[in-house]
């Protein structure tokens, strides 16, 4: 094999290798390409997720406010109960004093 034949065969082999590499690259990009419908669906899903997170945050804020209101109402009710119990205790004590005076 002469020097020219060696160069030609080397060039042919390199060209075939280049073509195979280009074809493999094209196949990889062809099968891994993301369709526009997939991108649109991902955008829709991300928007729905964002809206769900906002709704969750609003629900958390509402529940915290409601909890604070109920805690305040419970404290007021307990204070009123304590005052009523104290008044009842005083009334019973006065009733006992009046009974003892009548005897």
N, C-alpha and C. Protein backbone atom coordinates (compact mmCIF):
# COMPACT_ATOMS: atom_id res chain seq x y z
N UNK A 1 0.84 -1.15 0.00
CA UNK A 1 0.00 0.00 0.00
C UNK A 1 0.91 1.23 0.00
N UNK A 2 0.60 2.11 -0.90
CA UNK A 2 1.45 3.30 -1.03
C UNK A 2 0.99 4.38 -0.05
N UNK A 3 1.79 5.39 0.01
CA UNK A 3 1.52 6.50 0.92
C UNK A 3 0.21 7.19 0.54
N UNK A 4 -0.07 7.37 -0.72
CA UNK A 4 -1.29 8.03 -1.19
C UNK A 4 -2.50 7.16 -0.82
N UNK A 5 -2.39 5.84 -1.03
CA UNK A 5 -3.50 4.94 -0.67
C UNK A 5 -3.77 5.01 0.84
N UNK A 6 -2.74 5.05 1.64
CA UNK A 6 -2.89 5.15 3.10
C UNK A 6 -3.60 6.44 3.48
N UNK A 7 -3.24 7.54 2.88
CA UNK A 7 -3.87 8.84 3.17
C UNK A 7 -5.34 8.81 2.76
N UNK A 8 -5.63 8.23 1.60
CA UNK A 8 -7.01 8.17 1.11
C UNK A 8 -7.86 7.30 2.04
N UNK A 9 -7.33 6.12 2.41
CA UNK A 9 -8.08 5.24 3.30
C UNK A 9 -8.27 5.88 4.69
N UNK A 10 -7.28 6.56 5.15
CA UNK A 10 -7.40 7.25 6.43
C UNK A 10 -8.46 8.34 6.35
N UNK A 11 -8.48 9.08 5.24
CA UNK A 11 -9.48 10.13 5.05
C UNK A 11 -10.87 9.52 4.97
N UNK A 12 -11.02 8.39 4.27
CA UNK A 12 -12.33 7.73 4.16
C UNK A 12 -12.79 7.25 5.54
N UNK A 13 -11.90 6.63 6.31
CA UNK A 13 -12.25 6.14 7.65
C UNK A 13 -12.65 7.31 8.55
N UNK A 14 -11.88 8.41 8.50
CA UNK A 14 -12.22 9.57 9.31
C UNK A 14 -13.55 10.18 8.89
N UNK A 15 -13.82 10.22 7.59
CA UNK A 15 -15.09 10.75 7.10
C UNK A 15 -16.26 9.88 7.57
N UNK A 16 -16.08 8.55 7.50
CA UNK A 16 -17.13 7.63 7.97
C UNK A 16 -17.35 7.81 9.47
N UNK A 17 -16.26 7.96 10.23
CA UNK A 17 -16.38 8.18 11.67
C UNK A 17 -17.11 9.48 11.95
N UNK A 18 -16.79 10.53 11.17
CA UNK A 18 -17.48 11.81 11.33
C UNK A 18 -18.97 11.65 11.03
N UNK A 19 -19.31 10.94 9.95
CA UNK A 19 -20.71 10.74 9.58
C UNK A 19 -21.45 9.95 10.66
N UNK A 20 -20.83 8.90 11.19
CA UNK A 20 -21.46 8.12 12.24
C UNK A 20 -21.67 8.95 13.51
N UNK A 21 -20.71 9.77 13.86
CA UNK A 21 -20.84 10.65 15.02
C UNK A 21 -21.96 11.67 14.83
N UNK A 22 -22.00 12.25 13.63
CA UNK A 22 -23.06 13.22 13.34
C UNK A 22 -24.42 12.55 13.40
N UNK A 23 -24.55 11.34 12.82
CA UNK A 23 -25.81 10.61 12.84
C UNK A 23 -26.22 10.24 14.27
N UNK A 24 -25.27 9.81 15.10
CA UNK A 24 -25.56 9.48 16.50
C UNK A 24 -26.02 10.73 17.25
N UNK A 25 -25.37 11.85 16.99
CA UNK A 25 -25.78 13.12 17.62
C UNK A 25 -27.19 13.49 17.20
N UNK A 26 -27.49 13.34 15.92
CA UNK A 26 -28.83 13.65 15.43
C UNK A 26 -29.87 12.75 16.08
N UNK A 27 -29.56 11.44 16.22
CA UNK A 27 -30.49 10.52 16.86
C UNK A 27 -30.74 10.90 18.32
N UNK A 28 -29.67 11.22 19.03
CA UNK A 28 -29.82 11.60 20.44
C UNK A 28 -30.71 12.83 20.56
N UNK A 29 -30.45 13.84 19.76
CA UNK A 29 -31.27 15.06 19.82
C UNK A 29 -32.69 14.82 19.34
N UNK A 30 -32.86 13.91 18.42
CA UNK A 30 -34.19 13.59 17.90
C UNK A 30 -35.05 12.94 18.97
N UNK A 31 -34.47 12.01 19.74
CA UNK A 31 -35.24 11.29 20.75
C UNK A 31 -35.34 12.01 22.09
N UNK A 32 -34.45 12.95 22.33
CA UNK A 32 -34.50 13.68 23.61
C UNK A 32 -35.10 15.06 23.46
N UNK A 33 -35.58 15.40 22.30
CA UNK A 33 -36.18 16.71 22.08
C UNK A 33 -37.46 16.83 22.90
N UNK A 34 -37.66 17.98 23.51
CA UNK A 34 -38.85 18.23 24.31
C UNK A 34 -39.89 18.88 23.40
N UNK A 35 -41.07 18.29 23.37
CA UNK A 35 -42.14 18.81 22.52
C UNK A 35 -42.72 20.09 23.13
N UNK A 36 -43.26 20.93 22.30
CA UNK A 36 -43.86 22.19 22.78
C UNK A 36 -45.05 21.91 23.69
N UNK A 37 -45.79 20.85 23.40
CA UNK A 37 -46.93 20.51 24.26
C UNK A 37 -46.46 20.15 25.67
N UNK A 38 -45.30 19.47 25.77
CA UNK A 38 -44.75 19.15 27.08
C UNK A 38 -44.34 20.41 27.82
N UNK A 39 -43.75 21.35 27.11
CA UNK A 39 -43.35 22.61 27.73
C UNK A 39 -44.58 23.37 28.21
N UNK A 40 -45.63 23.39 27.38
CA UNK A 40 -46.86 24.08 27.77
C UNK A 40 -47.50 23.42 28.99
N UNK A 41 -47.47 22.08 29.01
CA UNK A 41 -48.04 21.38 30.15
C UNK A 41 -47.23 21.65 31.43
N UNK A 42 -45.91 21.70 31.31
CA UNK A 42 -45.08 22.02 32.47
C UNK A 42 -45.36 23.44 32.98
N UNK A 43 -45.55 24.37 32.06
CA UNK A 43 -45.87 25.74 32.46
C UNK A 43 -47.23 25.80 33.16
N UNK A 44 -48.20 25.06 32.63
CA UNK A 44 -49.53 25.02 33.24
C UNK A 44 -49.45 24.41 34.64
N UNK A 45 -48.69 23.33 34.76
CA UNK A 45 -48.55 22.67 36.06
C UNK A 45 -47.85 23.59 37.06
N UNK A 46 -46.84 24.32 36.61
CA UNK A 46 -46.14 25.23 37.52
C UNK A 46 -47.07 26.37 37.95
N UNK A 47 -47.92 26.84 37.04
CA UNK A 47 -48.88 27.89 37.40
C UNK A 47 -49.89 27.37 38.41
N UNK A 48 -50.39 26.15 38.20
CA UNK A 48 -51.33 25.56 39.15
C UNK A 48 -50.68 25.34 40.50
N UNK A 49 -49.42 24.92 40.51
CA UNK A 49 -48.70 24.74 41.76
C UNK A 49 -48.54 26.06 42.50
N UNK A 50 -48.23 27.11 41.75
CA UNK A 50 -48.09 28.44 42.34
C UNK A 50 -49.42 28.89 42.96
N UNK A 51 -50.51 28.68 42.24
CA UNK A 51 -51.82 29.06 42.76
C UNK A 51 -52.18 28.24 43.99
N UNK A 52 -51.84 26.96 43.99
CA UNK A 52 -52.12 26.10 45.15
C UNK A 52 -51.31 26.56 46.36
N UNK A 53 -50.06 26.96 46.14
CA UNK A 53 -49.24 27.45 47.24
C UNK A 53 -49.80 28.75 47.80
N UNK A 54 -50.29 29.63 46.92
CA UNK A 54 -50.90 30.88 47.39
C UNK A 54 -52.17 30.59 48.20
N UNK A 55 -52.96 29.65 47.73
CA UNK A 55 -54.18 29.27 48.46
C UNK A 55 -53.83 28.69 49.82
N UNK A 56 -52.79 27.85 49.85
CA UNK A 56 -52.36 27.26 51.12
C UNK A 56 -51.89 28.35 52.08
N UNK A 57 -51.12 29.31 51.56
CA UNK A 57 -50.64 30.40 52.42
C UNK A 57 -51.81 31.22 52.96
N UNK A 58 -52.80 31.49 52.12
CA UNK A 58 -53.98 32.23 52.57
C UNK A 58 -54.74 31.44 53.63
N UNK A 59 -54.85 30.13 53.44
CA UNK A 59 -55.53 29.29 54.42
C UNK A 59 -54.78 29.29 55.75
N UNK A 60 -53.46 29.25 55.69
CA UNK A 60 -52.66 29.27 56.92
C UNK A 60 -52.87 30.58 57.66
N UNK A 61 -52.85 31.69 56.93
CA UNK A 61 -53.07 33.00 57.56
C UNK A 61 -54.45 33.07 58.18
N UNK A 62 -55.46 32.59 57.43
CA UNK A 62 -56.84 32.60 57.96
C UNK A 62 -56.93 31.77 59.23
N UNK A 63 -56.32 30.57 59.22
CA UNK A 63 -56.37 29.71 60.40
C UNK A 63 -55.65 30.33 61.59
N UNK A 64 -54.55 31.01 61.33
CA UNK A 64 -53.84 31.67 62.43
C UNK A 64 -54.68 32.79 63.02
N UNK A 65 -55.34 33.57 62.16
CA UNK A 65 -56.21 34.63 62.66
C UNK A 65 -57.39 34.06 63.44
N UNK A 66 -57.97 33.00 62.90
CA UNK A 66 -59.11 32.36 63.57
C UNK A 66 -58.68 31.78 64.91
N UNK A 67 -57.50 31.18 64.95
CA UNK A 67 -57.00 30.63 66.21
C UNK A 67 -56.79 31.75 67.23
N UNK A 68 -56.25 32.88 66.79
CA UNK A 68 -56.05 34.00 67.70
C UNK A 68 -57.40 34.52 68.22
N UNK A 69 -58.39 34.62 67.33
CA UNK A 69 -59.71 35.07 67.76
C UNK A 69 -60.32 34.12 68.77
N UNK A 70 -60.23 32.82 68.49
CA UNK A 70 -60.80 31.83 69.40
C UNK A 70 -60.06 31.79 70.74
N UNK A 71 -58.75 31.97 70.70
CA UNK A 71 -57.97 32.02 71.94
C UNK A 71 -58.38 33.23 72.77
N UNK A 72 -58.56 34.36 72.10
CA UNK A 72 -59.00 35.57 72.80
C UNK A 72 -60.40 35.37 73.38
N UNK A 73 -61.30 34.79 72.59
CA UNK A 73 -62.66 34.54 73.06
C UNK A 73 -62.65 33.57 74.23
N UNK A 74 -61.81 32.55 74.17
CA UNK A 74 -61.70 31.60 75.28
C UNK A 74 -61.18 32.28 76.54
N UNK A 75 -60.21 33.15 76.39
CA UNK A 75 -59.69 33.88 77.55
C UNK A 75 -60.76 34.75 78.17
N UNK A 76 -61.52 35.43 77.33
CA UNK A 76 -62.61 36.27 77.84
C UNK A 76 -63.67 35.43 78.54
N UNK A 77 -64.00 34.29 77.95
CA UNK A 77 -65.00 33.41 78.55
C UNK A 77 -64.51 32.86 79.88
N UNK A 78 -63.24 32.50 79.94
CA UNK A 78 -62.69 32.01 81.21
C UNK A 78 -62.69 33.10 82.26
N UNK A 79 -62.40 34.33 81.85
CA UNK A 79 -62.43 35.45 82.80
C UNK A 79 -63.85 35.69 83.30
N UNK A 80 -64.81 35.62 82.38
CA UNK A 80 -66.21 35.79 82.78
C UNK A 80 -66.65 34.66 83.70
N UNK A 81 -66.22 33.45 83.40
CA UNK A 81 -66.55 32.31 84.26
C UNK A 81 -65.96 32.49 85.65
N UNK A 82 -64.71 32.92 85.69
CA UNK A 82 -64.07 33.13 87.00
C UNK A 82 -64.82 34.21 87.78
N UNK A 83 -65.23 35.29 87.10
CA UNK A 83 -65.98 36.35 87.78
C UNK A 83 -67.34 35.82 88.25
N UNK A 84 -68.00 35.04 87.41
CA UNK A 84 -69.30 34.49 87.80
C UNK A 84 -69.14 33.53 88.98
N UNK A 85 -68.10 32.70 88.96
CA UNK A 85 -67.87 31.78 90.07
C UNK A 85 -67.57 32.55 91.36
N UNK A 86 -66.82 33.62 91.24
CA UNK A 86 -66.52 34.46 92.42
C UNK A 86 -67.80 35.10 92.94
N UNK A 87 -68.64 35.60 92.04
CA UNK A 87 -69.92 36.17 92.45
C UNK A 87 -70.81 35.14 93.10
N UNK A 88 -70.85 33.93 92.55
CA UNK A 88 -71.64 32.85 93.13
C UNK A 88 -71.12 32.48 94.50
N UNK A 89 -69.80 32.45 94.64
CA UNK A 89 -69.18 32.14 95.93
C UNK A 89 -69.57 33.20 96.96
N UNK A 90 -69.51 34.46 96.54
CA UNK A 90 -69.91 35.55 97.44
C UNK A 90 -71.39 35.46 97.80
N UNK A 91 -72.23 35.14 96.81
CA UNK A 91 -73.67 35.02 97.07
C UNK A 91 -73.95 33.88 98.03
N UNK A 92 -73.27 32.75 97.86
CA UNK A 92 -73.45 31.63 98.77
C UNK A 92 -73.00 32.00 100.18
N UNK A 93 -71.87 32.72 100.24
CA UNK A 93 -71.36 33.13 101.55
C UNK A 93 -72.36 34.07 102.23
N UNK A 94 -72.91 35.00 101.47
CA UNK A 94 -73.91 35.92 102.03
C UNK A 94 -75.17 35.16 102.44
N UNK A 95 -75.56 34.18 101.62
CA UNK A 95 -76.73 33.38 101.96
C UNK A 95 -76.49 32.61 103.24
N UNK A 96 -75.31 32.07 103.42
CA UNK A 96 -74.97 31.34 104.66
C UNK A 96 -75.00 32.30 105.85
N UNK A 97 -74.50 33.52 105.66
CA UNK A 97 -74.51 34.51 106.75
C UNK A 97 -75.93 34.88 107.13
N UNK A 98 -76.78 35.06 106.10
CA UNK A 98 -78.17 35.40 106.38
C UNK A 98 -78.88 34.24 107.07
N UNK A 99 -78.61 33.00 106.67
CA UNK A 99 -79.21 31.83 107.31
C UNK A 99 -78.77 31.73 108.77
N UNK A 100 -77.47 32.01 108.95
CA UNK A 100 -76.98 31.91 110.33
C UNK A 100 -77.58 33.03 111.21
N UNK A 101 -77.85 34.19 110.63
CA UNK A 101 -78.45 35.28 111.39
C UNK A 101 -79.92 34.99 111.70
N UNK A 102 -80.58 34.28 110.81
CA UNK A 102 -82.00 33.96 111.02
C UNK A 102 -82.17 32.85 112.04
N UNK A 103 -81.24 32.09 112.33
CA UNK A 103 -81.36 30.98 113.26
C UNK A 103 -81.26 31.43 114.65
